[in-house]
Amino acid sequence: MSSSCATVVRTHLNTANNFSSNVKIQPYRNRCRLSRRDLATKGIVAAGASVLPSSLVSPPAQGLERLPFKKEGYKFWTWRGHKIHYVEEGEGFPIVLIHGFGASAFHWRYNIPELAKKYKVYAVDLLGFGWSEKALVDYDALVWRDQVADFLKEIVKEPTILVGNSLGGFTALVAAEAMPEQVVGIALLNSAGQFGSPEDDATTETEESPLQKFFIKPLKEVFQRVVLGFLFWQAKQPARVESVLKSVYKNTSNVDDYLIESITKPADDPNAGEVYYRLMTRFMSNQRKYTLDSVLSKLSCPLLLVWGDLDPWVGPAKAIRIKEFYPNTSIVNLQAGHCPHDEVPELVNKALVDWLATLPSTAPQTV
């Protein structure tokens, strides 16, 4: 993330008054992508550090079973010396769920119980997020790629399906590229990533002058820390977290205490502010080296796109462009925002189960 990520949060309140739960497939012609500022906006949600009251009284939406919220988390795995949190439920063919920027395994609260009726479901917290350790490392797409690849090797240990939302979608793609023998299918929900030519820092770097090295660069870092520190402080307010969430949930009924606490609680960690700074200033600047073009060109497994068409950050045109580039793709369009798996979970669950049933290797066994 570059210094431009210090921009104040944009709000998108184009609420869909006539919310529809119908699944539909539509052609779109306009192009859009998840920009660095967009991803940084979600980062502001991730930074909230004020914990709400422990009593989560809001009822489960749509009458669906909901994953119980546990402040202590579920299971933990040690990866490269860091504690990684994950949830594991069900039996059968494995599915690994990967959350988006600022979220956690709890963001799959309505998907895990339903999918676990037919499959073995894992939901993992990426390093620096959720209940996983707030490690002080240099973050880029390859850190999470390696984490997920090792999770498949050490925990899952068999062929699997990867499902990812937003940043988790792009992480699923690069992990599948690294583990083609183990990943037999990928489902993306409003995935991050952009098309274009990779930007190689080695070809653009120029030698720093003494003025740049000893004055301008340190001054820039101080400025970034001041601005991002203010944004971090601002995002501690639960009302701010709720506002950002409501800007990307077109039906806001699921923006409840459970969801807000699952985002704010992890940022209570003493290292959360430093992780936020590193994500904003380092990850977003180097993620330009990895493009959808380069990753998709190396894949061979089936791809499902479950897309919230009303997403103010990643519009449906990206799904159309992905299918044009990678024909082995199915698309399900939903009247939802950036997080359809939590906004209209019953439709996302159905889309996933229906698609999984078409893949011979994933069909649940009947007795």
Protein backbone atom coordinates (compact mmCIF):
# COMPACT_ATOMS: atom_id res chain seq x y z
CA MET A 1 0.00 0.00 0.00
CA SER A 2 1.34 3.37 -0.94
CA SER A 3 1.11 6.70 0.82
CA SER A 4 -1.94 7.45 -1.27
CA CYS A 5 -3.74 4.98 0.96
CA ALA A 6 -3.91 7.67 3.62
CA THR A 7 -7.00 9.01 1.86
CA VAL A 8 -10.00 9.36 4.15
CA VAL A 9 -12.60 6.61 3.82
CA ARG A 10 -15.03 7.00 0.97
CA THR A 11 -18.61 6.03 1.71
CA HIS A 12 -20.86 4.39 -0.82
CA LEU A 13 -24.45 4.41 0.34
CA ASN A 14 -26.23 3.40 -2.84
CA THR A 15 -28.57 1.13 -0.92
CA ALA A 16 -30.72 -1.31 -2.86
CA ASN A 17 -34.22 -0.57 -1.62
CA ASN A 18 -35.82 -3.45 -3.47
CA PHE A 19 -33.46 -6.19 -2.35
CA SER A 20 -33.82 -9.27 -4.50
CA SER A 21 -32.67 -12.76 -3.60
CA ASN A 22 -32.86 -14.05 -7.16
CA VAL A 23 -29.76 -15.47 -8.74
CA LYS A 24 -29.17 -14.19 -12.24
CA ILE A 25 -26.54 -14.14 -14.95
CA GLN A 26 -26.13 -10.91 -16.86
CA PRO A 27 -23.66 -9.52 -19.38
CA TYR A 28 -21.76 -6.36 -18.42
CA ARG A 29 -19.52 -4.24 -20.61
CA ASN A 30 -17.94 -1.66 -18.34
CA ARG A 31 -14.55 -2.36 -16.79
CA CYS A 32 -13.50 -1.81 -13.24
CA ARG A 33 -10.96 -3.09 -10.76
CA LEU A 34 -10.13 -3.05 -7.08
CA SER A 35 -7.75 -0.14 -6.74
CA ARG A 36 -5.15 0.37 -4.08
CA ARG A 37 -7.29 2.98 -2.37
CA ASP A 38 -10.26 0.59 -2.34
CA LEU A 39 -8.28 -2.13 -0.57
CA ALA A 40 -6.90 0.45 1.82
CA THR A 41 -10.45 1.42 2.72
CA LYS A 42 -11.10 -2.11 3.90
CA GLY A 43 -7.86 -1.87 5.82
CA ILE A 44 -9.37 0.91 7.86
CA VAL A 45 -12.10 -1.49 8.94
CA ALA A 46 -9.37 -3.94 9.94
CA ALA A 47 -7.73 -1.40 12.20
CA GLY A 48 -10.60 -0.90 14.63
CA ALA A 49 -9.35 -1.76 18.10
CA SER A 50 -12.25 -0.98 20.41
CA VAL A 51 -14.04 -4.08 21.64
CA LEU A 52 -17.81 -4.04 21.87
CA PRO A 53 -19.69 -5.56 24.81
CA SER A 54 -19.31 -9.33 24.96
CA SER A 55 -23.03 -10.00 24.77
CA LEU A 56 -23.88 -10.70 21.15
CA VAL A 57 -27.66 -10.78 21.20
CA SER A 58 -28.55 -10.24 17.54
CA PRO A 59 -30.32 -13.32 16.12
CA PRO A 60 -28.93 -15.28 13.13
CA ALA A 61 -30.15 -13.88 9.83
CA GLN A 62 -32.42 -15.80 7.45
CA GLY A 63 -32.88 -18.48 10.12
CA LEU A 64 -29.55 -20.07 9.16
CA GLU A 65 -27.32 -21.85 11.62
CA ARG A 66 -24.46 -19.58 12.65
CA LEU A 67 -20.94 -20.43 13.74
CA PRO A 68 -20.70 -19.68 17.48
CA PHE A 69 -18.49 -16.70 18.22
CA LYS A 70 -15.58 -17.66 20.47
CA LYS A 71 -13.38 -14.90 21.82
CA GLU A 72 -10.59 -17.42 22.35
CA GLY A 73 -10.86 -18.73 18.78
CA TYR A 74 -11.12 -22.34 17.65
CA LYS A 75 -7.96 -24.20 16.54
CA PHE A 76 -4.38 -23.01 16.13
CA TRP A 77 -1.49 -24.13 13.95
CA THR A 78 2.12 -22.97 14.14
CA TRP A 79 3.47 -21.77 10.82
CA ARG A 80 7.04 -20.47 10.56
CA GLY A 81 6.94 -19.78 14.27
CA HIS A 82 3.68 -17.81 14.07
CA LYS A 83 0.32 -18.80 15.57
CA ILE A 84 -2.37 -19.26 12.90
CA HIS A 85 -6.06 -19.57 13.75
CA TYR A 86 -8.51 -21.73 11.83
CA VAL A 87 -11.93 -23.34 12.12
CA GLU A 88 -12.55 -26.96 11.10
CA GLU A 89 -16.00 -28.55 10.85
CA GLY A 90 -17.73 -31.40 9.04
CA GLU A 91 -16.61 -34.48 7.15
CA GLY A 92 -16.07 -35.25 3.47
CA PHE A 93 -14.24 -33.54 0.64
CA PRO A 94 -12.32 -30.52 2.02
CA ILE A 95 -13.10 -26.89 1.30
CA VAL A 96 -10.83 -24.09 2.50
CA LEU A 97 -12.41 -20.64 3.03
CA ILE A 98 -10.15 -17.56 2.89
CA HIS A 99 -11.45 -14.22 4.21
CA GLY A 100 -10.92 -10.75 2.78
CA PHE A 101 -8.88 -7.77 3.97
CA GLY A 102 -9.67 -6.93 7.60
CA ALA A 103 -11.91 -9.93 8.21
CA SER A 104 -11.40 -13.38 9.74
CA ALA A 105 -12.70 -16.94 9.70
CA PHE A 106 -15.79 -15.65 11.54
CA HIS A 107 -16.84 -13.80 8.38
CA TRP A 108 -17.88 -17.25 7.06
CA ARG A 109 -20.24 -17.63 10.04
CA TYR A 110 -23.29 -18.60 7.94
CA ASN A 111 -21.37 -20.67 5.39
CA ILE A 112 -19.33 -23.01 7.60
CA PRO A 113 -22.28 -24.77 9.34
CA GLU A 114 -24.22 -25.26 6.08
CA LEU A 115 -21.29 -26.45 3.95
CA ALA A 116 -20.13 -28.72 6.79
CA LYS A 117 -23.30 -30.78 6.34
CA LYS A 118 -21.77 -32.25 3.17
CA TYR A 119 -18.09 -31.32 3.23
CA LYS A 120 -15.13 -30.90 5.54
CA VAL A 121 -14.77 -27.15 5.91
CA TYR A 122 -11.73 -25.18 6.97
CA ALA A 123 -11.70 -21.40 7.44
CA VAL A 124 -8.24 -19.96 8.05
CA ASP A 125 -7.17 -16.54 9.33
CA LEU A 126 -4.40 -15.04 7.22
CA LEU A 127 -1.26 -13.91 9.04
CA GLY A 128 -1.80 -10.43 10.48
CA PHE A 129 -5.60 -10.77 10.51
CA GLY A 130 -8.27 -12.21 12.74
CA TRP A 131 -7.10 -14.47 15.54
CA SER A 132 -3.82 -15.25 13.77
CA GLU A 133 -0.64 -13.65 15.06
CA LYS A 134 -0.03 -9.98 14.24
CA ALA A 135 3.46 -10.78 13.01
CA LEU A 136 5.89 -7.96 12.25
CA VAL A 137 6.93 -9.18 8.82
CA ASP A 138 7.05 -7.66 5.35
CA TYR A 139 3.62 -8.40 3.91
CA ASP A 140 3.00 -9.19 0.27
CA ALA A 141 0.86 -11.61 -1.70
CA LEU A 142 3.49 -14.32 -1.43
CA VAL A 143 3.37 -14.40 2.39
CA TRP A 144 -0.28 -15.47 2.32
CA ARG A 145 0.29 -17.71 -0.71
CA ASP A 146 2.94 -19.62 1.22
CA GLN A 147 0.78 -19.74 4.34
CA VAL A 148 -2.19 -21.25 2.48
CA ALA A 149 0.03 -23.64 0.51
CA ASP A 150 1.60 -24.94 3.72
CA PHE A 151 -1.84 -25.15 5.35
CA LEU A 152 -2.91 -27.44 2.52
CA LYS A 153 0.21 -29.58 2.91
CA GLU A 154 0.28 -29.79 6.71
CA ILE A 155 -3.38 -29.58 7.80
CA VAL A 156 -5.64 -30.51 4.87
CA LYS A 157 -3.29 -33.11 3.29
CA GLU A 158 -5.57 -33.99 0.35
CA PRO A 159 -7.09 -32.46 -2.81
CA THR A 160 -9.28 -29.49 -1.97
CA ILE A 161 -11.37 -26.56 -3.17
CA LEU A 162 -10.31 -23.01 -2.31
CA VAL A 163 -12.95 -20.33 -1.75
CA GLY A 164 -11.90 -16.71 -1.26
CA ASN A 165 -13.50 -13.30 -0.86
CA SER A 166 -11.76 -10.06 -1.90
CA LEU A 167 -8.09 -10.34 -0.86
CA GLY A 168 -8.79 -13.97 0.01
CA GLY A 169 -9.83 -14.57 -3.58
CA PHE A 170 -6.51 -13.43 -4.97
CA THR A 171 -4.74 -15.41 -2.25
CA ALA A 172 -6.66 -18.50 -3.37
CA LEU A 173 -5.50 -17.96 -6.95
CA VAL A 174 -1.82 -17.60 -6.15
CA ALA A 175 -1.98 -20.54 -3.72
CA ALA A 176 -3.59 -22.71 -6.40
CA GLU A 177 -0.82 -21.72 -8.80
CA ALA A 178 1.71 -22.92 -6.21
CA MET A 179 -0.19 -26.15 -5.44
CA PRO A 180 -1.77 -27.29 -8.74
CA GLU A 181 -1.69 -30.96 -7.73
CA GLN A 182 -3.78 -30.31 -4.60
CA VAL A 183 -6.23 -27.57 -5.64
CA VAL A 184 -8.94 -29.04 -7.89
CA GLY A 185 -11.18 -25.98 -8.05
CA ILE A 186 -11.44 -22.33 -6.98
CA ALA A 187 -14.44 -20.16 -6.12
CA LEU A 188 -13.96 -16.39 -6.03
CA LEU A 189 -16.36 -13.95 -4.38
CA ASN A 190 -15.72 -10.37 -5.53
CA SER A 191 -12.02 -11.08 -5.74
CA ALA A 192 -9.18 -8.59 -5.48
CA GLY A 193 -6.46 -8.46 -8.11
CA GLN A 194 -6.13 -6.51 -11.31
CA PHE A 195 -5.35 -7.12 -14.94
CA GLY A 196 -2.31 -5.54 -16.56
CA SER A 197 1.42 -5.89 -16.93
CA PRO A 198 3.29 -6.76 -13.73
CA GLU A 199 5.36 -3.85 -12.42
CA ASP A 200 8.83 -5.07 -11.56
CA ASP A 201 10.36 -2.84 -8.94
CA ALA A 202 13.82 -3.84 -10.15
CA THR A 203 13.22 -2.13 -13.48
CA THR A 204 11.82 1.06 -12.05
CA GLU A 205 14.15 1.71 -9.13
CA THR A 206 16.74 4.43 -9.53
CA GLU A 207 19.68 5.18 -7.33
CA GLU A 208 18.72 7.37 -4.41
CA SER A 209 20.51 10.64 -3.93
CA PRO A 210 21.81 11.53 -0.44
CA LEU A 211 18.97 14.05 -0.14
CA GLN A 212 16.38 11.40 -0.92
CA LYS A 213 17.97 8.76 1.32
CA PHE A 214 18.67 10.82 4.41
CA PHE A 215 15.98 13.52 4.31
CA ILE A 216 13.06 12.99 1.94
CA LYS A 217 12.57 9.26 2.60
CA PRO A 218 12.62 9.53 6.44
CA LEU A 219 10.35 12.57 6.29
CA LYS A 220 7.92 10.68 4.08
CA GLU A 221 7.85 7.78 6.55
CA VAL A 222 7.15 10.12 9.47
CA PHE A 223 4.30 11.71 7.52
CA GLN A 224 2.87 8.28 6.66
CA ARG A 225 3.00 7.17 10.28
CA VAL A 226 1.25 10.32 11.49
CA VAL A 227 -1.53 10.10 8.91
CA LEU A 228 -2.02 6.35 9.18
CA GLY A 229 -1.84 6.57 12.97
CA PHE A 230 -4.73 9.01 12.87
CA LEU A 231 -6.72 6.72 10.59
CA PHE A 232 -6.01 3.81 12.90
CA TRP A 233 -7.24 5.82 15.88
CA GLN A 234 -10.32 6.92 13.95
CA ALA A 235 -11.14 3.34 12.99
CA LYS A 236 -11.19 2.27 16.63
CA GLN A 237 -14.68 3.69 16.90
CA PRO A 238 -17.31 0.92 16.52
CA ALA A 239 -19.60 3.40 14.79
CA ARG A 240 -16.94 3.97 12.14
CA VAL A 241 -16.55 0.24 11.55
CA GLU A 242 -20.31 -0.10 11.25
CA SER A 243 -20.48 2.78 8.77
CA VAL A 244 -17.85 1.28 6.46
CA LEU A 245 -19.51 -2.13 6.58
CA LYS A 246 -22.88 -0.65 5.72
CA SER A 247 -21.34 1.06 2.71
CA VAL A 248 -20.53 -2.30 1.12
CA TYR A 249 -23.48 -4.37 2.38
CA LYS A 250 -26.44 -3.44 0.21
CA ASN A 251 -28.76 -5.27 2.62
CA THR A 252 -27.38 -4.19 5.98
CA SER A 253 -29.42 -6.50 8.22
CA ASN A 254 -26.36 -8.70 8.83
CA VAL A 255 -24.17 -5.80 9.98
CA ASP A 256 -24.62 -6.75 13.62
CA ASP A 257 -22.70 -6.98 16.89
CA TYR A 258 -21.23 -10.36 15.95
CA LEU A 259 -19.75 -9.04 12.72
CA ILE A 260 -18.43 -5.81 14.21
CA GLU A 261 -16.78 -7.55 17.16
CA SER A 262 -15.20 -10.16 14.87
CA ILE A 263 -13.45 -7.25 13.13
CA THR A 264 -12.59 -5.02 16.09
CA LYS A 265 -11.56 -7.69 18.60
CA PRO A 266 -8.37 -8.85 16.78
CA ALA A 267 -7.06 -5.30 16.52
CA ASP A 268 -6.83 -5.18 20.31
CA ASP A 269 -3.45 -6.87 19.85
CA PRO A 270 -0.50 -4.60 20.79
CA ASN A 271 1.07 -5.15 17.35
CA ALA A 272 -2.12 -4.33 15.41
CA GLY A 273 -1.15 -0.72 14.73
CA GLU A 274 2.27 -1.64 13.34
CA VAL A 275 0.78 -4.41 11.20
CA TYR A 276 -1.73 -1.90 9.85
CA TYR A 277 1.08 0.51 8.98
CA ARG A 278 3.06 -2.20 7.19
CA LEU A 279 0.04 -3.37 5.26
CA MET A 280 -0.78 0.15 4.16
CA THR A 281 2.72 1.19 3.16
CA ARG A 282 4.33 -2.03 1.93
CA PHE A 283 1.79 -4.57 0.75
CA MET A 284 -0.10 -2.19 -1.52
CA SER A 285 3.08 -0.95 -3.18
CA ASN A 286 4.40 -4.40 -4.03
CA GLN A 287 1.11 -6.12 -4.89
CA ARG A 288 1.31 -4.49 -8.35
CA LYS A 289 3.90 -7.11 -9.23
CA TYR A 290 1.20 -9.80 -9.32
CA THR A 291 -1.62 -9.59 -11.87
CA LEU A 292 -4.64 -11.67 -12.69
CA ASP A 293 -3.27 -12.20 -16.19
CA SER A 294 -0.11 -13.88 -14.96
CA VAL A 295 -1.85 -16.04 -12.36
CA LEU A 296 -4.82 -17.18 -14.44
CA SER A 297 -2.56 -18.12 -17.35
CA LYS A 298 -0.96 -20.79 -15.14
CA LEU A 299 -4.17 -22.38 -13.83
CA SER A 300 -6.04 -25.37 -15.22
CA CYS A 301 -8.75 -26.16 -12.62
CA PRO A 302 -12.44 -25.12 -12.82
CA LEU A 303 -13.26 -21.63 -11.57
CA LEU A 304 -16.52 -20.35 -10.08
CA LEU A 305 -17.27 -16.64 -9.71
CA VAL A 306 -20.00 -15.77 -7.21
CA TRP A 307 -20.35 -12.03 -7.65
CA GLY A 308 -22.21 -9.36 -5.73
CA ASP A 309 -23.24 -7.07 -8.58
CA LEU A 310 -23.92 -4.10 -6.28
CA ASP A 311 -20.37 -3.99 -4.93
CA PRO A 312 -19.14 -0.36 -4.95
CA TRP A 313 -15.50 -1.55 -4.95
CA VAL A 314 -15.31 -4.48 -7.39
CA GLY A 315 -18.01 -4.33 -10.03
CA PRO A 316 -19.39 -7.24 -12.09
CA ALA A 317 -17.32 -6.22 -15.12
CA LYS A 318 -14.31 -7.87 -13.51
CA ALA A 319 -16.14 -11.21 -13.39
CA ILE A 320 -16.93 -10.93 -17.09
CA ARG A 321 -13.32 -10.10 -17.89
CA ILE A 322 -12.04 -13.04 -15.86
CA LYS A 323 -14.33 -15.40 -17.78
CA GLU A 324 -13.19 -13.93 -21.08
CA PHE A 325 -9.58 -14.52 -20.09
CA TYR A 326 -10.19 -17.92 -18.45
CA PRO A 327 -13.01 -19.79 -20.25
CA ASN A 328 -13.19 -22.66 -17.72
CA THR A 329 -15.28 -20.32 -15.55
CA SER A 330 -18.87 -20.32 -14.31
CA ILE A 331 -20.51 -17.11 -13.07
CA VAL A 332 -23.36 -16.63 -10.60
CA ASN A 333 -24.47 -13.01 -10.22
CA LEU A 334 -26.20 -11.93 -7.01
CA GLN A 335 -27.95 -8.76 -5.91
CA ALA A 336 -25.47 -8.08 -3.11
CA GLY A 337 -22.42 -6.01 -2.22
CA HIS A 338 -18.76 -6.80 -1.62
CA CYS A 339 -19.34 -9.69 0.82
CA PRO A 340 -22.16 -11.81 -0.67
CA HIS A 341 -21.27 -14.82 1.49
CA ASP A 342 -22.33 -12.88 4.59
CA GLU A 343 -25.01 -10.67 3.05
CA VAL A 344 -26.94 -13.38 1.17
CA PRO A 345 -25.36 -16.54 2.61
CA GLU A 346 -28.22 -18.84 1.62
CA LEU A 347 -27.68 -17.98 -2.05
CA VAL A 348 -23.91 -18.30 -1.86
CA ASN A 349 -24.18 -21.64 -0.07
CA LYS A 350 -26.51 -22.92 -2.80
CA ALA A 351 -24.24 -21.65 -5.57
CA LEU A 352 -21.23 -23.37 -4.02
CA VAL A 353 -23.00 -26.67 -3.37
CA ASP A 354 -24.54 -26.73 -6.87
CA TRP A 355 -21.15 -26.05 -8.47
CA LEU A 356 -19.35 -28.59 -6.28
CA ALA A 357 -21.87 -31.22 -7.35
CA THR A 358 -20.74 -30.75 -10.97
CA LEU A 359 -17.14 -31.61 -10.09
CA PRO A 360 -16.77 -35.41 -10.00
CA SER A 361 -13.93 -35.41 -7.50
CA THR A 362 -15.88 -33.37 -4.94
CA ALA A 363 -19.27 -35.10 -4.95
CA PRO A 364 -20.25 -36.12 -1.40
CA GLN A 365 -20.34 -39.85 -0.80
CA THR A 366 -23.70 -41.42 -0.01
CA VAL A 367 -24.11 -44.50 2.13
